[in-house]
Amino acid sequence: MSELRDATKRPLSPWQTLRAVAWSFFGVRRSADYADDVAKLNPVHVVIAGLVGAALFVVALVLLVRWVIASGVAG
């Protein structure tokens, strides 16, 4: 339990967090980079960035489907 508390006290690195989440959405990650992320990133920030990324992905898909339907291509 103390390991989790220590992990949540890691300093904020928004660029590294966003990059790690983006690579995880893409599905490609080197094991060395993964180990580096686990050692340096705050897990709370990773979860928040993942939820925001998933929400943006869903919104983008909905907008794409609406655009295709409105253009008459899917008709």
N, C-alpha and C. Protein backbone atom coordinates (compact mmCIF):
# COMPACT_ATOMS: atom_id res chain seq x y z
N MET A 1 0.82 -1.19 0.00
CA MET A 1 0.00 0.00 0.00
C MET A 1 0.87 1.26 0.00
N SER A 2 2.00 1.22 0.66
CA SER A 2 2.87 2.39 0.69
C SER A 2 3.48 2.64 -0.69
N GLU A 3 3.64 1.60 -1.50
CA GLU A 3 4.16 1.80 -2.86
C GLU A 3 3.19 2.65 -3.68
N LEU A 4 1.89 2.42 -3.52
CA LEU A 4 0.90 3.20 -4.24
C LEU A 4 0.92 4.65 -3.77
N ARG A 5 1.05 4.86 -2.48
CA ARG A 5 1.14 6.23 -1.96
C ARG A 5 2.36 6.95 -2.50
N ASP A 6 3.49 6.23 -2.56
CA ASP A 6 4.71 6.83 -3.10
C ASP A 6 4.53 7.16 -4.59
N ALA A 7 3.86 6.27 -5.33
CA ALA A 7 3.66 6.49 -6.76
C ALA A 7 2.79 7.70 -7.03
N THR A 8 1.80 7.94 -6.18
CA THR A 8 0.92 9.08 -6.40
C THR A 8 1.57 10.41 -6.03
N LYS A 9 2.71 10.38 -5.38
CA LYS A 9 3.43 11.61 -5.01
C LYS A 9 4.49 11.99 -6.04
N ARG A 10 4.57 11.24 -7.13
CA ARG A 10 5.55 11.57 -8.17
C ARG A 10 5.20 12.91 -8.79
N PRO A 11 6.22 13.65 -9.24
CA PRO A 11 5.96 14.98 -9.79
C PRO A 11 5.16 14.90 -11.10
N LEU A 12 4.43 15.97 -11.36
CA LEU A 12 3.60 16.04 -12.54
C LEU A 12 4.47 16.20 -13.78
N SER A 13 4.26 15.34 -14.77
CA SER A 13 4.93 15.47 -16.06
C SER A 13 3.88 15.26 -17.14
N PRO A 14 3.13 16.32 -17.47
CA PRO A 14 1.99 16.17 -18.38
C PRO A 14 2.39 15.68 -19.77
N TRP A 15 3.51 16.14 -20.30
CA TRP A 15 3.91 15.71 -21.64
C TRP A 15 4.20 14.21 -21.66
N GLN A 16 4.93 13.71 -20.68
CA GLN A 16 5.24 12.28 -20.62
C GLN A 16 3.97 11.46 -20.42
N THR A 17 3.05 11.95 -19.61
CA THR A 17 1.81 11.24 -19.37
C THR A 17 0.98 11.16 -20.65
N LEU A 18 0.82 12.28 -21.34
CA LEU A 18 0.05 12.30 -22.58
C LEU A 18 0.70 11.41 -23.64
N ARG A 19 2.01 11.45 -23.72
CA ARG A 19 2.71 10.61 -24.69
C ARG A 19 2.51 9.13 -24.39
N ALA A 20 2.61 8.75 -23.13
CA ALA A 20 2.43 7.35 -22.76
C ALA A 20 1.01 6.87 -23.03
N VAL A 21 0.03 7.72 -22.74
CA VAL A 21 -1.37 7.35 -22.99
C VAL A 21 -1.63 7.26 -24.50
N ALA A 22 -1.10 8.19 -25.26
CA ALA A 22 -1.29 8.15 -26.71
C ALA A 22 -0.69 6.88 -27.31
N TRP A 23 0.50 6.51 -26.88
CA TRP A 23 1.12 5.27 -27.37
C TRP A 23 0.30 4.06 -26.96
N SER A 24 -0.28 4.09 -25.79
CA SER A 24 -1.08 2.94 -25.35
C SER A 24 -2.36 2.82 -26.16
N PHE A 25 -2.95 3.94 -26.59
CA PHE A 25 -4.11 3.88 -27.47
C PHE A 25 -3.72 3.31 -28.83
N PHE A 26 -2.53 3.66 -29.28
CA PHE A 26 -2.04 3.15 -30.57
C PHE A 26 -1.69 1.67 -30.46
N GLY A 27 -1.28 1.24 -29.29
CA GLY A 27 -1.01 -0.19 -29.05
C GLY A 27 0.41 -0.62 -29.28
N VAL A 28 1.32 0.33 -29.42
CA VAL A 28 2.72 -0.01 -29.66
C VAL A 28 3.56 0.65 -28.56
N ARG A 29 4.33 -0.15 -27.86
CA ARG A 29 5.17 0.41 -26.80
C ARG A 29 6.35 -0.52 -26.57
N ARG A 30 7.54 0.04 -26.56
CA ARG A 30 8.72 -0.77 -26.26
C ARG A 30 8.74 -1.07 -24.77
N SER A 31 9.27 -2.22 -24.42
CA SER A 31 9.28 -2.62 -23.01
C SER A 31 10.14 -1.68 -22.17
N ALA A 32 11.20 -1.16 -22.75
CA ALA A 32 12.05 -0.22 -22.00
C ALA A 32 11.30 1.07 -21.70
N ASP A 33 10.53 1.55 -22.68
CA ASP A 33 9.73 2.77 -22.47
C ASP A 33 8.63 2.52 -21.45
N TYR A 34 8.03 1.33 -21.51
CA TYR A 34 6.99 0.98 -20.55
C TYR A 34 7.55 0.97 -19.12
N ALA A 35 8.71 0.35 -18.95
CA ALA A 35 9.34 0.30 -17.63
C ALA A 35 9.68 1.70 -17.13
N ASP A 36 10.11 2.55 -18.04
CA ASP A 36 10.43 3.94 -17.68
C ASP A 36 9.16 4.68 -17.24
N ASP A 37 8.06 4.45 -17.95
CA ASP A 37 6.79 5.09 -17.58
C ASP A 37 6.32 4.62 -16.21
N VAL A 38 6.41 3.33 -15.96
CA VAL A 38 5.97 2.79 -14.67
C VAL A 38 6.78 3.39 -13.53
N ALA A 39 8.04 3.65 -13.78
CA ALA A 39 8.90 4.18 -12.72
C ALA A 39 8.71 5.68 -12.49
N LYS A 40 8.30 6.42 -13.53
CA LYS A 40 8.30 7.87 -13.42
C LYS A 40 6.92 8.53 -13.35
N LEU A 41 5.91 7.92 -13.95
CA LEU A 41 4.62 8.60 -14.07
C LEU A 41 3.73 8.39 -12.86
N ASN A 42 2.91 9.36 -12.60
CA ASN A 42 1.93 9.29 -11.52
C ASN A 42 0.72 8.51 -12.03
N PRO A 43 0.36 7.40 -11.41
CA PRO A 43 -0.74 6.58 -11.92
C PRO A 43 -2.09 7.30 -11.95
N VAL A 44 -2.30 8.22 -11.04
CA VAL A 44 -3.56 8.98 -11.04
C VAL A 44 -3.65 9.83 -12.31
N HIS A 45 -2.55 10.46 -12.70
CA HIS A 45 -2.53 11.27 -13.91
C HIS A 45 -2.73 10.40 -15.15
N VAL A 46 -2.18 9.21 -15.14
CA VAL A 46 -2.34 8.30 -16.28
C VAL A 46 -3.80 7.89 -16.43
N VAL A 47 -4.46 7.58 -15.33
CA VAL A 47 -5.87 7.20 -15.39
C VAL A 47 -6.72 8.36 -15.89
N ILE A 48 -6.47 9.55 -15.39
CA ILE A 48 -7.24 10.73 -15.83
C ILE A 48 -7.00 10.99 -17.31
N ALA A 49 -5.76 10.94 -17.75
CA ALA A 49 -5.45 11.16 -19.17
C ALA A 49 -6.08 10.08 -20.03
N GLY A 50 -6.12 8.85 -19.55
CA GLY A 50 -6.75 7.77 -20.30
C GLY A 50 -8.25 7.97 -20.45
N LEU A 51 -8.90 8.41 -19.40
CA LEU A 51 -10.34 8.67 -19.46
C LEU A 51 -10.65 9.83 -20.41
N VAL A 52 -9.85 10.88 -20.33
CA VAL A 52 -10.04 12.02 -21.23
C VAL A 52 -9.78 11.59 -22.68
N GLY A 53 -8.74 10.82 -22.90
CA GLY A 53 -8.44 10.33 -24.25
C GLY A 53 -9.55 9.45 -24.79
N ALA A 54 -10.10 8.58 -23.97
CA ALA A 54 -11.20 7.71 -24.40
C ALA A 54 -12.43 8.54 -24.74
N ALA A 55 -12.73 9.55 -23.93
CA ALA A 55 -13.89 10.40 -24.19
C ALA A 55 -13.71 11.17 -25.50
N LEU A 56 -12.52 11.69 -25.75
CA LEU A 56 -12.25 12.40 -27.00
C LEU A 56 -12.36 11.46 -28.20
N PHE A 57 -11.92 10.23 -28.05
CA PHE A 57 -12.01 9.24 -29.12
C PHE A 57 -13.47 8.95 -29.45
N VAL A 58 -14.30 8.77 -28.43
CA VAL A 58 -15.73 8.49 -28.65
C VAL A 58 -16.40 9.69 -29.32
N VAL A 59 -16.10 10.89 -28.87
CA VAL A 59 -16.69 12.09 -29.47
C VAL A 59 -16.26 12.20 -30.94
N ALA A 60 -15.00 11.92 -31.23
CA ALA A 60 -14.52 11.97 -32.62
C ALA A 60 -15.25 10.95 -33.48
N LEU A 61 -15.47 9.76 -32.97
CA LEU A 61 -16.20 8.74 -33.73
C LEU A 61 -17.65 9.16 -33.98
N VAL A 62 -18.31 9.69 -32.98
CA VAL A 62 -19.69 10.15 -33.14
C VAL A 62 -19.77 11.26 -34.18
N LEU A 63 -18.86 12.22 -34.12
CA LEU A 63 -18.85 13.30 -35.11
C LEU A 63 -18.58 12.78 -36.51
N LEU A 64 -17.69 11.81 -36.64
CA LEU A 64 -17.40 11.22 -37.95
C LEU A 64 -18.63 10.52 -38.51
N VAL A 65 -19.32 9.74 -37.70
CA VAL A 65 -20.52 9.04 -38.15
C VAL A 65 -21.60 10.04 -38.54
N ARG A 66 -21.80 11.08 -37.76
CA ARG A 66 -22.80 12.10 -38.10
C ARG A 66 -22.46 12.78 -39.42
N TRP A 67 -21.17 13.06 -39.64
CA TRP A 67 -20.75 13.70 -40.88
C TRP A 67 -20.99 12.80 -42.09
N VAL A 68 -20.67 11.51 -41.95
CA VAL A 68 -20.88 10.56 -43.04
C VAL A 68 -22.37 10.43 -43.36
N ILE A 69 -23.19 10.33 -42.33
CA ILE A 69 -24.63 10.21 -42.55
C ILE A 69 -25.20 11.47 -43.18
N ALA A 70 -24.77 12.64 -42.73
CA ALA A 70 -25.27 13.89 -43.26
C ALA A 70 -24.82 14.13 -44.70
N SER A 71 -23.68 13.61 -45.08
CA SER A 71 -23.17 13.84 -46.44
C SER A 71 -23.88 12.97 -47.48
N GLY A 72 -24.62 11.97 -47.03
CA GLY A 72 -25.34 11.11 -47.95
C GLY A 72 -24.54 9.97 -48.51
N VAL A 73 -23.30 9.82 -48.09
CA VAL A 73 -22.44 8.74 -48.56
C VAL A 73 -22.95 7.40 -48.08
N ALA A 74 -23.51 7.36 -46.89
CA ALA A 74 -23.95 6.11 -46.28
C ALA A 74 -25.37 5.73 -46.70
N GLY A 75 -25.97 6.50 -47.60
CA GLY A 75 -27.37 6.34 -47.93
C GLY A 75 -27.64 5.25 -48.86
